[in-house]
């Protein structure tokens, strides 16, 4: 569909702790002439004029600085766990970081 509509394919497939690897769907799509991006690759290209990596790093610096005070006020294991998971997900989405298994 991406080829038929002329739009990029944005996928997490191939995201590894060592970087993005072109295999399976990513490779097949690229071989067919489709632009393929991991989310962080797409954001970096689409918003390159804003310097996304620097913006994302500043976001996480504030997030990491302010979340302990927030969590202390909430005092909930569920909220702490959810915020921890959200942080990992956002670092994956925005920076391409993966957690080795």
N, C-alpha and C. Protein backbone atom coordinates (compact mmCIF):
# COMPACT_ATOMS: atom_id res chain seq x y z
N UNK A 1 0.82 -1.20 0.00
CA UNK A 1 0.00 0.00 0.00
C UNK A 1 0.86 1.25 0.00
N UNK A 2 1.98 1.21 0.73
CA UNK A 2 2.84 2.39 0.78
C UNK A 2 3.32 2.75 -0.62
N UNK A 3 3.69 1.75 -1.41
CA UNK A 3 4.15 1.99 -2.77
C UNK A 3 3.01 2.54 -3.63
N UNK A 4 1.84 1.94 -3.50
CA UNK A 4 0.70 2.37 -4.30
C UNK A 4 0.29 3.81 -4.00
N UNK A 5 0.39 4.21 -2.74
CA UNK A 5 -0.02 5.56 -2.35
C UNK A 5 1.15 6.55 -2.30
N UNK A 6 2.36 6.06 -2.52
CA UNK A 6 3.52 6.94 -2.52
C UNK A 6 3.86 7.52 -1.17
N UNK A 7 3.56 6.78 -0.12
CA UNK A 7 3.86 7.28 1.22
C UNK A 7 4.93 6.39 1.87
N UNK A 8 5.64 6.93 2.85
CA UNK A 8 6.69 6.14 3.49
C UNK A 8 6.09 5.07 4.41
N UNK A 9 6.87 4.04 4.61
CA UNK A 9 6.52 2.99 5.57
C UNK A 9 7.30 3.28 6.84
N UNK A 10 6.59 3.45 7.94
CA UNK A 10 7.23 3.70 9.23
C UNK A 10 7.00 2.48 10.09
N UNK A 11 8.09 1.83 10.48
CA UNK A 11 8.00 0.57 11.21
C UNK A 11 9.08 0.47 12.27
N UNK A 12 8.78 -0.26 13.31
CA UNK A 12 9.78 -0.54 14.35
C UNK A 12 10.58 -1.79 14.03
N UNK A 13 10.16 -2.51 13.00
CA UNK A 13 10.88 -3.72 12.63
C UNK A 13 12.33 -3.38 12.30
N UNK A 14 13.23 -4.14 12.83
CA UNK A 14 14.64 -3.93 12.57
C UNK A 14 15.34 -3.04 13.59
N UNK A 15 14.59 -2.44 14.52
CA UNK A 15 15.21 -1.64 15.57
C UNK A 15 15.91 -2.59 16.54
N UNK A 16 17.20 -2.42 16.70
CA UNK A 16 17.97 -3.28 17.60
C UNK A 16 18.85 -2.39 18.48
N UNK A 17 19.41 -2.93 19.55
CA UNK A 17 20.33 -2.13 20.37
C UNK A 17 21.54 -1.62 19.57
N UNK A 18 21.86 -2.28 18.47
CA UNK A 18 22.99 -1.86 17.64
C UNK A 18 22.60 -0.87 16.55
N UNK A 19 21.32 -0.59 16.42
CA UNK A 19 20.84 0.32 15.38
C UNK A 19 19.77 -0.34 14.54
N UNK A 20 19.38 0.31 13.46
CA UNK A 20 18.32 -0.20 12.59
C UNK A 20 18.93 -1.13 11.54
N UNK A 21 18.31 -2.30 11.40
CA UNK A 21 18.79 -3.31 10.47
C UNK A 21 17.72 -3.52 9.39
N UNK A 22 18.15 -3.47 8.14
CA UNK A 22 17.22 -3.72 7.04
C UNK A 22 17.12 -5.21 6.76
N UNK A 23 15.98 -5.77 7.16
CA UNK A 23 15.71 -7.17 6.90
C UNK A 23 14.20 -7.35 6.84
N UNK A 24 13.76 -8.47 6.39
CA UNK A 24 12.35 -8.83 6.30
C UNK A 24 11.56 -7.74 5.60
N UNK A 25 10.53 -7.21 6.27
CA UNK A 25 9.63 -6.22 5.67
C UNK A 25 10.39 -4.97 5.22
N UNK A 26 11.30 -4.48 6.05
CA UNK A 26 12.07 -3.28 5.69
C UNK A 26 12.83 -3.49 4.39
N UNK A 27 13.51 -4.62 4.28
CA UNK A 27 14.30 -4.91 3.08
C UNK A 27 13.40 -5.08 1.86
N UNK A 28 12.32 -5.83 2.05
CA UNK A 28 11.39 -6.08 0.94
C UNK A 28 10.79 -4.76 0.43
N UNK A 29 10.41 -3.90 1.35
CA UNK A 29 9.83 -2.61 0.96
C UNK A 29 10.86 -1.72 0.25
N UNK A 30 12.07 -1.66 0.79
CA UNK A 30 13.12 -0.85 0.16
C UNK A 30 13.43 -1.38 -1.24
N UNK A 31 13.51 -2.70 -1.37
CA UNK A 31 13.79 -3.30 -2.67
C UNK A 31 12.68 -2.97 -3.68
N UNK A 32 11.47 -2.75 -3.19
CA UNK A 32 10.34 -2.41 -4.06
C UNK A 32 10.28 -0.91 -4.35
N UNK A 33 11.17 -0.12 -3.72
CA UNK A 33 11.20 1.31 -3.98
C UNK A 33 10.43 2.16 -2.99
N UNK A 34 10.06 1.57 -1.86
CA UNK A 34 9.34 2.30 -0.83
C UNK A 34 10.35 2.94 0.14
N UNK A 35 10.09 4.19 0.53
CA UNK A 35 10.90 4.79 1.58
C UNK A 35 10.51 4.14 2.90
N UNK A 36 11.51 3.66 3.66
CA UNK A 36 11.24 2.97 4.92
C UNK A 36 12.00 3.67 6.03
N UNK A 37 11.29 3.91 7.13
CA UNK A 37 11.88 4.60 8.27
C UNK A 37 11.50 3.92 9.57
N UNK A 38 12.41 3.93 10.53
CA UNK A 38 12.05 3.69 11.92
C UNK A 38 11.46 5.01 12.40
N UNK A 39 10.63 5.00 13.44
CA UNK A 39 10.02 6.26 13.87
C UNK A 39 11.03 7.38 14.10
N UNK A 40 12.14 7.07 14.77
CA UNK A 40 13.12 8.11 15.06
C UNK A 40 13.80 8.62 13.78
N UNK A 41 13.94 7.75 12.77
CA UNK A 41 14.51 8.18 11.50
C UNK A 41 13.56 9.15 10.79
N UNK A 42 12.27 8.81 10.81
CA UNK A 42 11.28 9.66 10.16
C UNK A 42 11.21 11.03 10.83
N UNK A 43 11.13 11.03 12.16
CA UNK A 43 11.05 12.30 12.88
C UNK A 43 12.29 13.15 12.64
N UNK A 44 13.46 12.51 12.64
CA UNK A 44 14.70 13.25 12.42
C UNK A 44 14.72 13.88 11.02
N UNK A 45 14.22 13.15 10.02
CA UNK A 45 14.20 13.70 8.66
C UNK A 45 13.11 14.75 8.50
N UNK A 46 11.93 14.43 8.96
CA UNK A 46 10.77 15.32 8.76
C UNK A 46 10.95 16.65 9.47
N UNK A 47 11.56 16.62 10.63
CA UNK A 47 11.71 17.84 11.42
C UNK A 47 13.17 18.21 11.62
N UNK A 48 14.00 17.92 10.61
CA UNK A 48 15.43 18.16 10.75
C UNK A 48 15.75 19.62 11.04
N UNK A 49 14.93 20.53 10.58
CA UNK A 49 15.17 21.96 10.82
C UNK A 49 15.03 22.32 12.30
N UNK A 50 14.42 21.44 13.08
CA UNK A 50 14.25 21.69 14.52
C UNK A 50 15.30 20.99 15.38
N UNK A 51 16.17 20.19 14.75
CA UNK A 51 17.17 19.40 15.47
C UNK A 51 16.51 18.47 16.49
N UNK A 52 15.70 17.52 16.01
CA UNK A 52 14.96 16.63 16.91
C UNK A 52 15.79 15.94 17.99
N UNK A 53 16.97 15.39 17.68
CA UNK A 53 17.70 14.71 18.76
C UNK A 53 17.96 15.62 19.96
N UNK A 54 18.31 16.87 19.70
CA UNK A 54 18.57 17.80 20.81
C UNK A 54 17.29 18.12 21.56
N UNK A 55 16.19 18.31 20.83
CA UNK A 55 14.90 18.58 21.48
C UNK A 55 14.49 17.39 22.34
N UNK A 56 14.64 16.18 21.82
CA UNK A 56 14.26 14.99 22.57
C UNK A 56 15.13 14.82 23.81
N UNK A 57 16.43 15.09 23.68
CA UNK A 57 17.31 14.97 24.84
C UNK A 57 16.93 15.97 25.92
N UNK A 58 16.60 17.20 25.51
CA UNK A 58 16.16 18.20 26.50
C UNK A 58 14.87 17.76 27.17
N UNK A 59 13.96 17.18 26.39
CA UNK A 59 12.71 16.68 26.96
C UNK A 59 13.00 15.65 28.06
N UNK A 60 13.88 14.71 27.77
CA UNK A 60 14.18 13.66 28.74
C UNK A 60 14.97 14.18 29.93
N UNK A 61 15.78 15.20 29.72
CA UNK A 61 16.48 15.82 30.85
C UNK A 61 15.45 16.40 31.83
N UNK A 62 14.45 17.11 31.31
CA UNK A 62 13.40 17.67 32.18
C UNK A 62 12.54 16.56 32.78
N UNK A 63 12.19 15.59 31.95
CA UNK A 63 11.37 14.46 32.42
C UNK A 63 12.07 13.78 33.60
N UNK A 64 13.35 13.47 33.42
CA UNK A 64 14.10 12.78 34.47
C UNK A 64 14.31 13.65 35.70
N UNK A 65 14.42 14.95 35.51
CA UNK A 65 14.62 15.86 36.64
C UNK A 65 13.34 16.06 37.45
N UNK A 66 12.20 16.10 36.76
CA UNK A 66 10.95 16.44 37.44
C UNK A 66 10.11 15.24 37.87
N UNK A 67 10.30 14.09 37.27
CA UNK A 67 9.45 12.96 37.62
C UNK A 67 9.64 12.45 39.05
N UNK A 68 10.84 12.47 39.64
CA UNK A 68 10.95 12.00 41.03
C UNK A 68 10.06 12.77 42.01
N UNK A 69 10.01 14.10 41.87
CA UNK A 69 9.16 14.90 42.76
C UNK A 69 7.69 14.57 42.53
N UNK A 70 7.30 14.40 41.28
CA UNK A 70 5.93 14.04 40.97
C UNK A 70 5.58 12.69 41.58
N UNK A 71 6.46 11.71 41.39
CA UNK A 71 6.20 10.37 41.91
C UNK A 71 6.17 10.35 43.43
N UNK A 72 6.98 11.16 44.08
CA UNK A 72 6.96 11.23 45.54
C UNK A 72 5.61 11.75 46.03
N UNK A 73 5.03 12.69 45.30
CA UNK A 73 3.73 13.23 45.68
C UNK A 73 2.59 12.27 45.42
N UNK A 74 2.73 11.43 44.42
CA UNK A 74 1.67 10.48 44.07
C UNK A 74 1.73 9.26 44.97
N UNK A 75 2.95 8.81 45.25
CA UNK A 75 3.18 7.65 46.13
C UNK A 75 2.34 6.44 45.71
N UNK A 76 2.50 6.02 44.46
CA UNK A 76 1.75 4.88 43.93
C UNK A 76 2.68 4.02 43.08
N UNK A 77 2.74 2.75 43.40
CA UNK A 77 3.56 1.82 42.63
C UNK A 77 3.04 1.71 41.19
N UNK A 78 1.73 1.71 41.04
CA UNK A 78 1.14 1.60 39.70
C UNK A 78 1.55 2.80 38.85
N UNK A 79 1.45 4.00 39.40
CA UNK A 79 1.82 5.20 38.65
C UNK A 79 3.32 5.18 38.34
N UNK A 80 4.13 4.79 39.32
CA UNK A 80 5.58 4.70 39.10
C UNK A 80 5.90 3.73 37.98
N UNK A 81 5.29 2.57 38.01
CA UNK A 81 5.53 1.57 36.95
C UNK A 81 5.07 2.08 35.59
N UNK A 82 3.90 2.72 35.55
CA UNK A 82 3.38 3.24 34.28
C UNK A 82 4.27 4.35 33.73
N UNK A 83 4.75 5.23 34.60
CA UNK A 83 5.62 6.31 34.14
C UNK A 83 6.96 5.76 33.65
N UNK A 84 7.46 4.73 34.32
CA UNK A 84 8.70 4.09 33.89
C UNK A 84 8.53 3.47 32.51
N UNK A 85 7.43 2.77 32.30
CA UNK A 85 7.15 2.16 31.00
C UNK A 85 6.96 3.22 29.92
N UNK A 86 6.25 4.30 30.26
CA UNK A 86 6.04 5.39 29.30
C UNK A 86 7.38 6.01 28.89
N UNK A 87 8.28 6.20 29.85
CA UNK A 87 9.60 6.75 29.57
C UNK A 87 10.37 5.84 28.61
N UNK A 88 10.35 4.54 28.87
CA UNK A 88 11.05 3.59 27.98
C UNK A 88 10.45 3.62 26.58
N UNK A 89 9.12 3.65 26.51
CA UNK A 89 8.46 3.68 25.20
C UNK A 89 8.82 4.95 24.44
N UNK A 90 8.78 6.09 25.11
CA UNK A 90 9.10 7.35 24.45
C UNK A 90 10.56 7.41 24.01
N UNK A 91 11.47 6.86 24.81
CA UNK A 91 12.88 6.83 24.41
C UNK A 91 13.05 5.94 23.18
N UNK A 92 12.29 4.86 23.12
CA UNK A 92 12.32 3.99 21.95
C UNK A 92 11.77 4.72 20.73
N UNK A 93 10.60 5.33 20.88
CA UNK A 93 9.94 6.00 19.77
C UNK A 93 10.74 7.20 19.26
N UNK A 94 11.21 8.04 20.16
CA UNK A 94 11.85 9.29 19.77
C UNK A 94 13.35 9.17 19.50
N UNK A 95 14.02 8.29 20.24
CA UNK A 95 15.47 8.19 20.11
C UNK A 95 15.92 6.87 19.49
N UNK A 96 15.00 5.93 19.38
CA UNK A 96 15.37 4.63 18.81
C UNK A 96 16.09 3.73 19.77
N UNK A 97 16.07 4.07 21.06
CA UNK A 97 16.75 3.23 22.04
C UNK A 97 15.95 1.96 22.27
N UNK A 98 16.64 0.86 22.35
CA UNK A 98 15.99 -0.41 22.68
C UNK A 98 16.62 -0.99 23.91
N UNK A 99 15.87 -1.79 24.62
CA UNK A 99 16.37 -2.45 25.80
C UNK A 99 16.80 -3.85 25.40
N UNK A 100 18.07 -4.20 25.54
CA UNK A 100 18.51 -5.55 25.17
C UNK A 100 17.73 -6.60 25.95
N UNK A 101 17.41 -7.68 25.27
CA UNK A 101 16.67 -8.77 25.94
C UNK A 101 17.62 -9.80 26.46
